[in-house]
Amino acid sequence: MNYSYAEYALMFKALSDETRLKILNMLSENELCACNILDEVNITQPTLSYHMKMLIECDLVSGRKDGSWMKYTLKNNKILELKDFLLEVDKSKENLSKDDDRCNLNK
């Protein structure tokens, strides 16, 4: 695991919003200008800035200035790390189930 639980919690907090999920899905295809995101999600520019700040702070997205606009890119390696974390959690659940079976045998 490369992240602490606090860092994963920030990622999940960022993922708990419908608009941010839509933005991540849009970014999964390619880098996008803020203007293109605004056209699709029907929010104001300050609201977009707030959402993007959250996604950048949890390290799922990177941004770069391009003239007067920002361009955003999904950090695929961070998405894969989050996926690996979830797979590890699922694997841990399987191990707990085996422990439960052993506990039931001793009764």
N, C-alpha and C. Protein backbone atom coordinates (compact mmCIF):
# COMPACT_ATOMS: atom_id res chain seq x y z
N MET A 1 0.84 -1.18 0.00
CA MET A 1 0.00 0.00 0.00
C MET A 1 0.89 1.25 0.00
N ASN A 2 0.69 2.12 -0.96
CA ASN A 2 1.52 3.32 -1.05
C ASN A 2 0.94 4.50 -0.31
N TYR A 3 -0.33 4.45 0.05
CA TYR A 3 -0.99 5.56 0.71
C TYR A 3 -1.37 5.19 2.13
N SER A 4 -1.59 6.22 2.93
CA SER A 4 -2.14 6.00 4.26
C SER A 4 -3.67 5.95 4.14
N TYR A 5 -4.32 5.47 5.17
CA TYR A 5 -5.78 5.45 5.16
C TYR A 5 -6.35 6.85 5.03
N ALA A 6 -5.69 7.84 5.61
CA ALA A 6 -6.16 9.23 5.50
C ALA A 6 -6.14 9.69 4.04
N GLU A 7 -5.12 9.29 3.30
CA GLU A 7 -5.05 9.68 1.88
C GLU A 7 -6.13 8.96 1.06
N TYR A 8 -6.38 7.70 1.38
CA TYR A 8 -7.47 7.01 0.70
C TYR A 8 -8.81 7.64 1.04
N ALA A 9 -8.98 8.04 2.29
CA ALA A 9 -10.22 8.69 2.70
C ALA A 9 -10.46 9.96 1.89
N LEU A 10 -9.41 10.73 1.63
CA LEU A 10 -9.55 11.94 0.79
C LEU A 10 -9.99 11.58 -0.62
N MET A 11 -9.43 10.51 -1.15
CA MET A 11 -9.83 10.08 -2.49
C MET A 11 -11.31 9.69 -2.51
N PHE A 12 -11.72 8.91 -1.51
CA PHE A 12 -13.13 8.50 -1.48
C PHE A 12 -14.06 9.68 -1.26
N LYS A 13 -13.61 10.66 -0.49
CA LYS A 13 -14.42 11.88 -0.31
C LYS A 13 -14.59 12.58 -1.66
N ALA A 14 -13.51 12.67 -2.41
CA ALA A 14 -13.58 13.30 -3.74
C ALA A 14 -14.49 12.51 -4.66
N LEU A 15 -14.49 11.19 -4.53
CA LEU A 15 -15.30 10.34 -5.39
C LEU A 15 -16.76 10.27 -4.97
N SER A 16 -17.08 10.86 -3.84
CA SER A 16 -18.45 10.76 -3.32
C SER A 16 -19.40 11.81 -3.92
N ASP A 17 -18.95 12.52 -4.93
CA ASP A 17 -19.78 13.56 -5.54
C ASP A 17 -20.06 13.20 -7.00
N GLU A 18 -21.31 13.29 -7.39
CA GLU A 18 -21.73 12.92 -8.75
C GLU A 18 -21.02 13.74 -9.82
N THR A 19 -20.86 15.03 -9.60
CA THR A 19 -20.20 15.88 -10.58
C THR A 19 -18.75 15.49 -10.75
N ARG A 20 -18.05 15.24 -9.64
CA ARG A 20 -16.64 14.85 -9.74
C ARG A 20 -16.49 13.49 -10.41
N LEU A 21 -17.42 12.58 -10.18
CA LEU A 21 -17.37 11.30 -10.88
C LEU A 21 -17.53 11.49 -12.38
N LYS A 22 -18.43 12.37 -12.76
CA LYS A 22 -18.63 12.65 -14.19
C LYS A 22 -17.37 13.26 -14.79
N ILE A 23 -16.74 14.17 -14.05
CA ILE A 23 -15.51 14.80 -14.53
C ILE A 23 -14.41 13.75 -14.70
N LEU A 24 -14.25 12.87 -13.71
CA LEU A 24 -13.24 11.81 -13.83
C LEU A 24 -13.51 10.93 -15.04
N ASN A 25 -14.76 10.60 -15.28
CA ASN A 25 -15.10 9.80 -16.45
C ASN A 25 -14.74 10.53 -17.73
N MET A 26 -15.01 11.82 -17.78
CA MET A 26 -14.64 12.61 -18.96
C MET A 26 -13.13 12.61 -19.17
N LEU A 27 -12.39 12.75 -18.06
CA LEU A 27 -10.93 12.81 -18.15
C LEU A 27 -10.31 11.45 -18.47
N SER A 28 -11.07 10.38 -18.31
CA SER A 28 -10.53 9.05 -18.61
C SER A 28 -10.25 8.89 -20.10
N GLU A 29 -10.89 9.72 -20.90
CA GLU A 29 -10.69 9.63 -22.34
C GLU A 29 -9.48 10.43 -22.81
N ASN A 30 -9.27 11.63 -22.24
CA ASN A 30 -8.12 12.45 -22.61
C ASN A 30 -8.06 13.72 -21.76
N GLU A 31 -7.00 14.47 -21.91
CA GLU A 31 -6.85 15.76 -21.24
C GLU A 31 -7.95 16.70 -21.72
N LEU A 32 -8.50 17.48 -20.79
CA LEU A 32 -9.56 18.40 -21.16
C LEU A 32 -9.31 19.79 -20.60
N CYS A 33 -9.70 20.77 -21.38
CA CYS A 33 -9.69 22.15 -20.94
C CYS A 33 -10.89 22.37 -20.02
N ALA A 34 -10.72 23.24 -19.04
CA ALA A 34 -11.82 23.57 -18.13
C ALA A 34 -13.05 24.01 -18.92
N CYS A 35 -12.85 24.71 -20.02
CA CYS A 35 -13.99 25.18 -20.82
C CYS A 35 -14.80 24.01 -21.37
N ASN A 36 -14.14 22.91 -21.76
CA ASN A 36 -14.85 21.73 -22.25
C ASN A 36 -15.61 21.03 -21.13
N ILE A 37 -15.03 21.01 -19.96
CA ILE A 37 -15.71 20.40 -18.81
C ILE A 37 -16.95 21.22 -18.47
N LEU A 38 -16.79 22.54 -18.46
CA LEU A 38 -17.93 23.42 -18.15
C LEU A 38 -19.08 23.21 -19.11
N ASP A 39 -18.78 22.99 -20.37
CA ASP A 39 -19.82 22.77 -21.38
C ASP A 39 -20.65 21.51 -21.08
N GLU A 40 -20.03 20.52 -20.45
CA GLU A 40 -20.68 19.23 -20.22
C GLU A 40 -21.39 19.11 -18.88
N VAL A 41 -20.89 19.76 -17.84
CA VAL A 41 -21.41 19.49 -16.50
C VAL A 41 -22.40 20.53 -15.99
N ASN A 42 -22.60 21.61 -16.70
CA ASN A 42 -23.61 22.60 -16.35
C ASN A 42 -23.44 23.16 -14.93
N ILE A 43 -22.22 23.63 -14.64
CA ILE A 43 -21.92 24.30 -13.38
C ILE A 43 -21.18 25.59 -13.68
N THR A 44 -21.03 26.44 -12.69
CA THR A 44 -20.31 27.69 -12.88
C THR A 44 -18.80 27.44 -12.82
N GLN A 45 -18.04 28.38 -13.32
CA GLN A 45 -16.58 28.26 -13.31
C GLN A 45 -16.04 28.17 -11.87
N PRO A 46 -16.54 28.99 -10.91
CA PRO A 46 -16.04 28.84 -9.53
C PRO A 46 -16.35 27.46 -8.94
N THR A 47 -17.51 26.90 -9.28
CA THR A 47 -17.86 25.57 -8.78
C THR A 47 -16.94 24.53 -9.39
N LEU A 48 -16.64 24.67 -10.68
CA LEU A 48 -15.69 23.75 -11.32
C LEU A 48 -14.33 23.85 -10.63
N SER A 49 -13.89 25.06 -10.34
CA SER A 49 -12.59 25.23 -9.67
C SER A 49 -12.57 24.50 -8.33
N TYR A 50 -13.66 24.58 -7.60
CA TYR A 50 -13.76 23.88 -6.32
C TYR A 50 -13.63 22.37 -6.51
N HIS A 51 -14.37 21.82 -7.47
CA HIS A 51 -14.32 20.39 -7.73
C HIS A 51 -12.92 19.95 -8.17
N MET A 52 -12.31 20.74 -9.05
CA MET A 52 -10.99 20.38 -9.54
C MET A 52 -9.95 20.47 -8.44
N LYS A 53 -10.10 21.44 -7.55
CA LYS A 53 -9.18 21.56 -6.42
C LYS A 53 -9.23 20.30 -5.56
N MET A 54 -10.43 19.79 -5.32
CA MET A 54 -10.56 18.56 -4.54
C MET A 54 -9.90 17.37 -5.24
N LEU A 55 -10.11 17.26 -6.55
CA LEU A 55 -9.54 16.14 -7.30
C LEU A 55 -8.02 16.23 -7.38
N ILE A 56 -7.50 17.45 -7.45
CA ILE A 56 -6.04 17.64 -7.48
C ILE A 56 -5.45 17.37 -6.11
N GLU A 57 -6.10 17.85 -5.05
CA GLU A 57 -5.57 17.66 -3.70
C GLU A 57 -5.49 16.20 -3.30
N CYS A 58 -6.39 15.38 -3.80
CA CYS A 58 -6.32 13.95 -3.47
C CYS A 58 -5.48 13.19 -4.48
N ASP A 59 -4.87 13.90 -5.42
CA ASP A 59 -3.88 13.36 -6.36
C ASP A 59 -4.47 12.48 -7.45
N LEU A 60 -5.77 12.60 -7.72
CA LEU A 60 -6.37 11.83 -8.82
C LEU A 60 -6.27 12.54 -10.16
N VAL A 61 -6.07 13.86 -10.12
CA VAL A 61 -6.03 14.69 -11.33
C VAL A 61 -4.86 15.66 -11.22
N SER A 62 -4.28 15.99 -12.36
CA SER A 62 -3.27 17.05 -12.40
C SER A 62 -3.79 18.16 -13.31
N GLY A 63 -3.34 19.37 -13.06
CA GLY A 63 -3.76 20.51 -13.87
C GLY A 63 -2.57 21.32 -14.31
N ARG A 64 -2.71 21.93 -15.46
CA ARG A 64 -1.66 22.83 -15.96
C ARG A 64 -2.31 24.02 -16.65
N LYS A 65 -1.67 25.15 -16.52
CA LYS A 65 -2.18 26.38 -17.12
C LYS A 65 -1.85 26.36 -18.61
N ASP A 66 -2.84 26.73 -19.42
CA ASP A 66 -2.65 26.83 -20.87
C ASP A 66 -3.33 28.12 -21.31
N GLY A 67 -2.57 29.19 -21.38
CA GLY A 67 -3.15 30.50 -21.68
C GLY A 67 -3.99 30.95 -20.50
N SER A 68 -5.22 31.30 -20.76
CA SER A 68 -6.09 31.75 -19.67
C SER A 68 -6.91 30.62 -19.07
N TRP A 69 -6.76 29.41 -19.61
CA TRP A 69 -7.53 28.26 -19.13
C TRP A 69 -6.63 27.23 -18.47
N MET A 70 -7.25 26.37 -17.69
CA MET A 70 -6.55 25.22 -17.11
C MET A 70 -6.90 23.98 -17.93
N LYS A 71 -5.93 23.11 -18.07
CA LYS A 71 -6.16 21.81 -18.69
C LYS A 71 -5.92 20.75 -17.63
N TYR A 72 -6.79 19.74 -17.62
CA TYR A 72 -6.76 18.72 -16.58
C TYR A 72 -6.54 17.35 -17.18
N THR A 73 -5.79 16.53 -16.43
CA THR A 73 -5.47 15.17 -16.86
C THR A 73 -5.70 14.22 -15.69
N LEU A 74 -6.27 13.07 -15.98
CA LEU A 74 -6.46 12.03 -14.99
C LEU A 74 -5.11 11.38 -14.71
N LYS A 75 -4.80 11.16 -13.45
CA LYS A 75 -3.56 10.48 -13.08
C LYS A 75 -3.86 8.98 -12.98
N ASN A 76 -3.70 8.32 -14.11
CA ASN A 76 -4.06 6.90 -14.21
C ASN A 76 -3.34 6.04 -13.19
N ASN A 77 -2.10 6.38 -12.86
CA ASN A 77 -1.37 5.58 -11.88
C ASN A 77 -2.04 5.66 -10.51
N LYS A 78 -2.64 6.78 -10.18
CA LYS A 78 -3.33 6.91 -8.90
C LYS A 78 -4.65 6.14 -8.90
N ILE A 79 -5.32 6.13 -10.04
CA ILE A 79 -6.54 5.34 -10.17
C ILE A 79 -6.21 3.86 -9.99
N LEU A 80 -5.11 3.42 -10.58
CA LEU A 80 -4.70 2.02 -10.44
C LEU A 80 -4.33 1.69 -8.99
N GLU A 81 -3.68 2.62 -8.30
CA GLU A 81 -3.35 2.40 -6.89
C GLU A 81 -4.61 2.28 -6.05
N LEU A 82 -5.60 3.11 -6.35
CA LEU A 82 -6.87 3.03 -5.64
C LEU A 82 -7.56 1.70 -5.93
N LYS A 83 -7.51 1.27 -7.17
CA LYS A 83 -8.08 -0.02 -7.55
C LYS A 83 -7.38 -1.15 -6.79
N ASP A 84 -6.05 -1.09 -6.71
CA ASP A 84 -5.29 -2.11 -5.99
C ASP A 84 -5.67 -2.12 -4.51
N PHE A 85 -5.88 -0.95 -3.93
CA PHE A 85 -6.31 -0.86 -2.54
C PHE A 85 -7.65 -1.58 -2.35
N LEU A 86 -8.59 -1.30 -3.25
CA LEU A 86 -9.90 -1.95 -3.14
C LEU A 86 -9.80 -3.46 -3.32
N LEU A 87 -8.94 -3.90 -4.22
CA LEU A 87 -8.73 -5.34 -4.39
C LEU A 87 -8.12 -5.95 -3.13
N GLU A 88 -7.23 -5.22 -2.50
CA GLU A 88 -6.62 -5.70 -1.25
C GLU A 88 -7.67 -5.78 -0.14
N VAL A 89 -8.55 -4.80 -0.08
CA VAL A 89 -9.64 -4.82 0.90
C VAL A 89 -10.52 -6.04 0.65
N ASP A 90 -10.84 -6.30 -0.60
CA ASP A 90 -11.67 -7.46 -0.93
C ASP A 90 -10.95 -8.75 -0.55
N LYS A 91 -9.67 -8.81 -0.79
CA LYS A 91 -8.87 -9.98 -0.44
C LYS A 91 -8.86 -10.17 1.08
N SER A 92 -8.76 -9.08 1.81
CA SER A 92 -8.78 -9.14 3.27
C SER A 92 -10.11 -9.69 3.76
N LYS A 93 -11.19 -9.32 3.09
CA LYS A 93 -12.51 -9.80 3.45
C LYS A 93 -12.57 -11.32 3.31
N GLU A 94 -11.98 -11.84 2.25
CA GLU A 94 -11.95 -13.29 2.05
C GLU A 94 -11.20 -13.97 3.19
N ASN A 95 -10.09 -13.36 3.62
CA ASN A 95 -9.32 -13.93 4.72
C ASN A 95 -10.12 -13.90 6.01
N LEU A 96 -10.90 -12.85 6.23
CA LEU A 96 -11.73 -12.76 7.42
C LEU A 96 -12.80 -13.84 7.40
N SER A 97 -13.37 -14.10 6.23
CA SER A 97 -14.39 -15.16 6.11
C SER A 97 -13.80 -16.50 6.49
N LYS A 98 -12.57 -16.77 6.08
CA LYS A 98 -11.91 -18.03 6.44
C LYS A 98 -11.71 -18.09 7.95
N ASP A 99 -11.35 -16.96 8.57
CA ASP A 99 -11.19 -16.92 10.02
C ASP A 99 -12.51 -17.19 10.71
N ASP A 100 -13.61 -16.65 10.18
CA ASP A 100 -14.92 -16.88 10.75
C ASP A 100 -15.29 -18.36 10.69
N ASP A 101 -14.95 -19.01 9.58
CA ASP A 101 -15.23 -20.44 9.43
C ASP A 101 -14.48 -21.24 10.49
N ARG A 102 -13.23 -20.86 10.75
CA ARG A 102 -12.45 -21.56 11.77
C ARG A 102 -13.07 -21.35 13.14
N CYS A 103 -13.56 -20.16 13.41
CA CYS A 103 -14.18 -19.87 14.71
C CYS A 103 -15.43 -20.71 14.90
N ASN A 104 -16.21 -20.89 13.85
CA ASN A 104 -17.44 -21.68 13.94
C ASN A 104 -17.16 -23.16 14.15
N LEU A 105 -16.01 -23.65 13.65
CA LEU A 105 -15.67 -25.06 13.81
C LEU A 105 -15.33 -25.39 15.27
N ASN A 106 -14.85 -24.41 15.99
CA ASN A 106 -14.43 -24.64 17.38
C ASN A 106 -15.60 -24.65 18.36
N LYS A 107 -16.81 -24.37 17.91
CA LYS A 107 -17.96 -24.30 18.82
C LYS A 107 -18.53 -25.67 19.09
